[in-house]
N, C-alpha and C. Protein backbone atom coordinates (compact mmCIF):
# COMPACT_ATOMS: atom_id res chain seq x y z
N MET A 1 136.29 145.84 55.22
CA MET A 1 137.43 146.72 55.28
C MET A 1 137.43 147.60 54.03
N LYS A 2 137.51 148.90 54.23
CA LYS A 2 137.42 149.87 53.14
C LYS A 2 138.52 149.67 52.09
N ILE A 3 139.74 149.35 52.52
CA ILE A 3 140.86 149.16 51.59
C ILE A 3 140.52 148.09 50.57
N LEU A 4 139.97 146.98 51.04
CA LEU A 4 139.66 145.88 50.14
C LEU A 4 138.50 146.21 49.21
N ARG A 5 137.50 146.91 49.69
CA ARG A 5 136.35 147.25 48.86
C ARG A 5 136.73 148.19 47.72
N GLU A 6 137.72 149.05 47.94
CA GLU A 6 138.09 150.04 46.94
C GLU A 6 139.27 149.62 46.07
N ALA A 7 139.92 148.53 46.42
CA ALA A 7 141.09 148.09 45.65
C ALA A 7 140.65 147.50 44.31
N THR A 8 141.47 147.72 43.29
CA THR A 8 141.22 147.15 41.98
C THR A 8 141.37 145.64 42.02
N VAL A 9 142.38 145.19 42.74
CA VAL A 9 142.67 143.76 42.85
C VAL A 9 143.32 143.50 44.19
N ALA A 10 143.25 142.28 44.67
CA ALA A 10 143.96 141.88 45.88
C ALA A 10 144.64 140.54 45.60
N VAL A 11 145.85 140.40 46.08
CA VAL A 11 146.62 139.17 45.89
C VAL A 11 146.80 138.51 47.25
N LEU A 12 146.46 137.24 47.33
CA LEU A 12 146.66 136.46 48.55
C LEU A 12 147.91 135.62 48.37
N ILE A 13 148.91 135.87 49.19
CA ILE A 13 150.15 135.11 49.14
C ILE A 13 150.01 133.94 50.11
N CYS A 14 150.29 132.74 49.62
CA CYS A 14 150.12 131.53 50.42
C CYS A 14 151.39 130.68 50.41
N GLY A 15 151.57 129.91 51.46
CA GLY A 15 152.64 128.94 51.54
C GLY A 15 152.07 127.54 51.38
N ASP A 16 152.64 126.76 50.47
CA ASP A 16 152.19 125.39 50.23
C ASP A 16 153.17 124.45 50.94
N LEU A 17 152.74 123.89 52.05
CA LEU A 17 153.62 123.04 52.86
C LEU A 17 154.05 121.78 52.13
N SER A 18 153.29 121.35 51.14
CA SER A 18 153.67 120.15 50.39
C SER A 18 154.84 120.40 49.45
N LEU A 19 155.18 121.68 49.23
CA LEU A 19 156.28 122.04 48.34
C LEU A 19 157.53 122.48 49.09
N GLU A 20 157.50 122.42 50.42
CA GLU A 20 158.64 122.86 51.23
C GLU A 20 159.89 122.05 50.95
N LYS A 21 160.99 122.73 50.69
CA LYS A 21 162.29 122.06 50.58
C LYS A 21 163.00 122.09 51.92
N HIS A 22 162.79 123.15 52.69
CA HIS A 22 163.41 123.32 54.00
C HIS A 22 162.30 123.71 54.97
N LYS A 23 161.96 122.79 55.84
CA LYS A 23 160.82 122.95 56.74
C LYS A 23 160.86 124.29 57.50
N GLY A 24 159.74 125.00 57.45
CA GLY A 24 159.58 126.23 58.20
C GLY A 24 160.01 127.50 57.47
N TYR A 25 160.74 127.34 56.37
CA TYR A 25 161.21 128.53 55.66
C TYR A 25 160.16 129.13 54.73
N TRP A 26 158.99 128.54 54.68
CA TRP A 26 157.94 129.10 53.84
C TRP A 26 157.57 130.51 54.29
N VAL A 27 157.72 130.80 55.57
CA VAL A 27 157.40 132.14 56.09
C VAL A 27 158.34 133.18 55.48
N GLN A 28 159.63 132.88 55.41
CA GLN A 28 160.59 133.81 54.79
C GLN A 28 160.30 133.95 53.30
N ASP A 29 159.97 132.84 52.64
CA ASP A 29 159.67 132.88 51.21
C ASP A 29 158.45 133.75 50.93
N CYS A 30 157.41 133.58 51.73
CA CYS A 30 156.19 134.37 51.54
C CYS A 30 156.42 135.84 51.90
N SER A 31 157.25 136.09 52.90
CA SER A 31 157.58 137.48 53.26
C SER A 31 158.31 138.16 52.11
N ALA A 32 159.28 137.48 51.50
CA ALA A 32 160.02 138.04 50.38
C ALA A 32 159.09 138.27 49.19
N ALA A 33 158.19 137.33 48.93
CA ALA A 33 157.24 137.48 47.82
C ALA A 33 156.32 138.68 48.06
N THR A 34 155.87 138.84 49.30
CA THR A 34 154.99 139.97 49.63
C THR A 34 155.72 141.30 49.44
N GLU A 35 156.94 141.40 49.93
CA GLU A 35 157.71 142.64 49.79
C GLU A 35 158.00 142.94 48.32
N ASN A 36 158.34 141.91 47.55
CA ASN A 36 158.60 142.12 46.12
C ASN A 36 157.35 142.62 45.40
N LEU A 37 156.19 142.10 45.78
CA LEU A 37 154.93 142.56 45.20
C LEU A 37 154.68 144.03 45.54
N LEU A 38 154.94 144.42 46.79
CA LEU A 38 154.78 145.82 47.20
C LEU A 38 155.71 146.74 46.41
N LEU A 39 156.96 146.32 46.24
CA LEU A 39 157.92 147.13 45.49
C LEU A 39 157.53 147.25 44.02
N ALA A 40 157.05 146.16 43.43
CA ALA A 40 156.63 146.19 42.02
C ALA A 40 155.42 147.10 41.84
N ALA A 41 154.46 147.05 42.76
CA ALA A 41 153.29 147.93 42.67
C ALA A 41 153.72 149.39 42.77
N HIS A 42 154.59 149.69 43.71
CA HIS A 42 155.08 151.06 43.88
C HIS A 42 155.81 151.55 42.62
N ALA A 43 156.61 150.68 42.02
CA ALA A 43 157.35 151.04 40.81
C ALA A 43 156.41 151.37 39.66
N LYS A 44 155.21 150.81 39.68
CA LYS A 44 154.21 151.07 38.64
C LYS A 44 153.31 152.26 39.00
N GLY A 45 153.60 152.92 40.14
CA GLY A 45 152.78 154.06 40.55
C GLY A 45 151.48 153.66 41.23
N LEU A 46 151.40 152.42 41.67
CA LEU A 46 150.19 151.94 42.33
C LEU A 46 150.37 151.95 43.84
N GLY A 47 149.26 151.90 44.54
CA GLY A 47 149.29 151.81 45.98
C GLY A 47 149.03 150.37 46.39
N ALA A 48 149.68 149.91 47.42
CA ALA A 48 149.49 148.55 47.93
C ALA A 48 149.82 148.55 49.41
N VAL A 49 149.23 147.61 50.13
CA VAL A 49 149.49 147.51 51.56
C VAL A 49 149.52 146.04 51.95
N TRP A 50 150.43 145.71 52.87
CA TRP A 50 150.59 144.34 53.38
C TRP A 50 149.61 144.17 54.53
N LEU A 51 148.61 143.30 54.33
CA LEU A 51 147.68 142.96 55.39
C LEU A 51 148.07 141.58 55.92
N GLY A 52 148.45 141.52 57.17
CA GLY A 52 148.90 140.26 57.75
C GLY A 52 147.75 139.28 57.94
N VAL A 53 147.99 138.05 57.59
CA VAL A 53 147.02 136.97 57.79
C VAL A 53 147.60 135.97 58.78
N TYR A 54 148.68 135.29 58.39
CA TYR A 54 149.37 134.34 59.27
C TYR A 54 150.20 135.12 60.28
N PRO A 55 150.22 134.74 61.53
CA PRO A 55 149.75 133.53 62.18
C PRO A 55 148.39 133.66 62.87
N ARG A 56 147.62 134.68 62.54
CA ARG A 56 146.30 134.87 63.18
C ARG A 56 145.33 133.79 62.68
N GLU A 57 145.09 132.79 63.51
CA GLU A 57 144.29 131.63 63.10
C GLU A 57 142.91 132.01 62.58
N GLU A 58 142.27 133.04 63.18
CA GLU A 58 140.93 133.42 62.72
C GLU A 58 140.99 133.96 61.29
N ARG A 59 142.09 134.63 60.93
CA ARG A 59 142.25 135.14 59.57
C ARG A 59 142.58 134.01 58.60
N VAL A 60 143.49 133.13 59.03
CA VAL A 60 143.86 131.97 58.21
C VAL A 60 142.62 131.13 57.92
N ASP A 61 141.88 130.81 58.97
CA ASP A 61 140.69 129.97 58.82
C ASP A 61 139.60 130.66 57.99
N GLY A 62 139.42 131.96 58.20
CA GLY A 62 138.41 132.71 57.45
C GLY A 62 138.69 132.72 55.96
N LEU A 63 139.94 132.98 55.58
CA LEU A 63 140.30 132.99 54.16
C LEU A 63 140.29 131.59 53.57
N ARG A 64 140.70 130.62 54.37
CA ARG A 64 140.67 129.22 53.92
C ARG A 64 139.23 128.82 53.57
N LYS A 65 138.32 129.18 54.45
CA LYS A 65 136.91 128.84 54.25
C LYS A 65 136.32 129.63 53.06
N LEU A 66 136.58 130.92 53.00
CA LEU A 66 136.05 131.78 51.95
C LEU A 66 136.48 131.33 50.56
N LEU A 67 137.76 130.94 50.43
CA LEU A 67 138.32 130.64 49.12
C LEU A 67 138.51 129.13 48.85
N GLY A 68 138.12 128.29 49.80
CA GLY A 68 138.24 126.84 49.60
C GLY A 68 139.69 126.37 49.54
N ILE A 69 140.54 126.96 50.36
CA ILE A 69 141.97 126.63 50.36
C ILE A 69 142.21 125.35 51.15
N PRO A 70 142.96 124.39 50.58
CA PRO A 70 143.21 123.13 51.31
C PRO A 70 144.10 123.33 52.54
N GLU A 71 144.08 122.37 53.43
CA GLU A 71 144.78 122.46 54.71
C GLU A 71 146.30 122.59 54.57
N HIS A 72 146.89 122.03 53.52
CA HIS A 72 148.35 122.10 53.38
C HIS A 72 148.83 123.44 52.80
N VAL A 73 147.88 124.31 52.46
CA VAL A 73 148.22 125.64 51.95
C VAL A 73 147.82 126.66 53.01
N ILE A 74 148.78 127.51 53.40
CA ILE A 74 148.53 128.48 54.48
C ILE A 74 148.49 129.89 53.92
N PRO A 75 147.34 130.59 54.03
CA PRO A 75 147.29 131.99 53.64
C PRO A 75 148.23 132.80 54.53
N PHE A 76 149.12 133.57 53.92
CA PHE A 76 150.14 134.30 54.67
C PHE A 76 149.85 135.79 54.75
N SER A 77 149.61 136.41 53.60
CA SER A 77 149.35 137.85 53.58
C SER A 77 148.40 138.18 52.44
N LEU A 78 147.69 139.27 52.59
CA LEU A 78 146.77 139.75 51.57
C LEU A 78 147.22 141.15 51.18
N VAL A 79 147.40 141.39 49.87
CA VAL A 79 147.89 142.67 49.39
C VAL A 79 146.87 143.28 48.41
N PRO A 80 146.06 144.25 48.90
CA PRO A 80 145.19 144.97 47.98
C PRO A 80 146.04 145.96 47.16
N ILE A 81 145.73 146.07 45.87
CA ILE A 81 146.49 146.94 44.98
C ILE A 81 145.51 147.81 44.20
N GLY A 82 145.85 149.08 44.08
CA GLY A 82 145.00 150.00 43.31
C GLY A 82 145.67 151.35 43.17
N HIS A 83 144.92 152.30 42.71
CA HIS A 83 145.44 153.65 42.58
C HIS A 83 145.27 154.37 43.92
N PRO A 84 146.34 154.92 44.46
CA PRO A 84 146.26 155.54 45.79
C PRO A 84 145.35 156.77 45.80
N ALA A 85 144.57 156.90 46.87
CA ALA A 85 143.67 158.03 47.04
C ALA A 85 144.42 159.26 47.53
N GLU A 86 145.60 159.06 48.11
CA GLU A 86 146.39 160.18 48.63
C GLU A 86 147.87 159.84 48.54
N GLN A 87 148.69 160.85 48.58
CA GLN A 87 150.14 160.68 48.58
C GLN A 87 150.66 161.08 49.96
N LYS A 88 151.23 160.13 50.66
CA LYS A 88 151.78 160.40 51.98
C LYS A 88 153.29 160.54 51.88
N PRO A 89 153.87 161.43 52.68
CA PRO A 89 155.34 161.54 52.67
C PRO A 89 155.95 160.29 53.31
N PRO A 90 157.20 159.98 52.97
CA PRO A 90 157.85 158.81 53.58
C PRO A 90 157.91 158.96 55.10
N ALA A 91 157.75 157.85 55.78
CA ALA A 91 157.85 157.84 57.25
C ALA A 91 159.30 158.07 57.65
N GLU A 92 159.51 158.85 58.67
CA GLU A 92 160.86 159.12 59.19
C GLU A 92 161.08 158.24 60.42
N ARG A 93 161.59 157.03 60.21
CA ARG A 93 161.77 156.09 61.31
C ARG A 93 163.23 155.82 61.62
N TYR A 94 164.12 156.42 60.88
CA TYR A 94 165.55 156.15 61.08
C TYR A 94 165.98 156.59 62.47
N ASN A 95 166.63 155.71 63.18
CA ASN A 95 167.13 155.99 64.52
C ASN A 95 168.56 155.46 64.59
N PRO A 96 169.57 156.35 64.54
CA PRO A 96 170.96 155.90 64.52
C PRO A 96 171.36 155.07 65.74
N SER A 97 170.66 155.18 66.85
CA SER A 97 171.01 154.40 68.03
C SER A 97 170.70 152.90 67.83
N ARG A 98 169.98 152.57 66.78
CA ARG A 98 169.67 151.16 66.50
C ARG A 98 170.69 150.50 65.59
N ILE A 99 171.69 151.25 65.15
CA ILE A 99 172.72 150.71 64.28
C ILE A 99 173.92 150.30 65.13
N HIS A 100 174.37 149.07 64.94
CA HIS A 100 175.49 148.53 65.71
C HIS A 100 176.55 148.01 64.75
N PHE A 101 177.81 148.22 65.05
CA PHE A 101 178.92 147.77 64.23
C PHE A 101 179.74 146.74 64.99
N ASN A 102 179.85 145.56 64.41
CA ASN A 102 180.68 144.47 64.92
C ASN A 102 180.23 143.86 66.24
N ARG A 103 179.47 144.56 67.01
CA ARG A 103 178.94 143.99 68.27
C ARG A 103 177.77 144.85 68.75
N TRP A 104 177.01 144.32 69.65
CA TRP A 104 175.84 145.03 70.16
C TRP A 104 176.31 146.11 71.06
């Protein structure tokens, strides 16, 4: 993948099931960690992208094998970070019909 080959660094966010305090919430924890990493990179003027790993078993297994990750640790997302090659304008995805007040 070109993004990974050209990135200065990549961070693999993982969930350690042996450290779970509330079963199943590791996904939310890893999602928050991934988003915080993206925001921090952006604040530093760097480019970063969230590459999904979990729940795609072939990706989980591939990274587990490549990096020697134990079974109780689940690779969740991979975030390559570097200097952006281009500046893209913000995506215009706002759709007011998707906003609901007090009820659907």
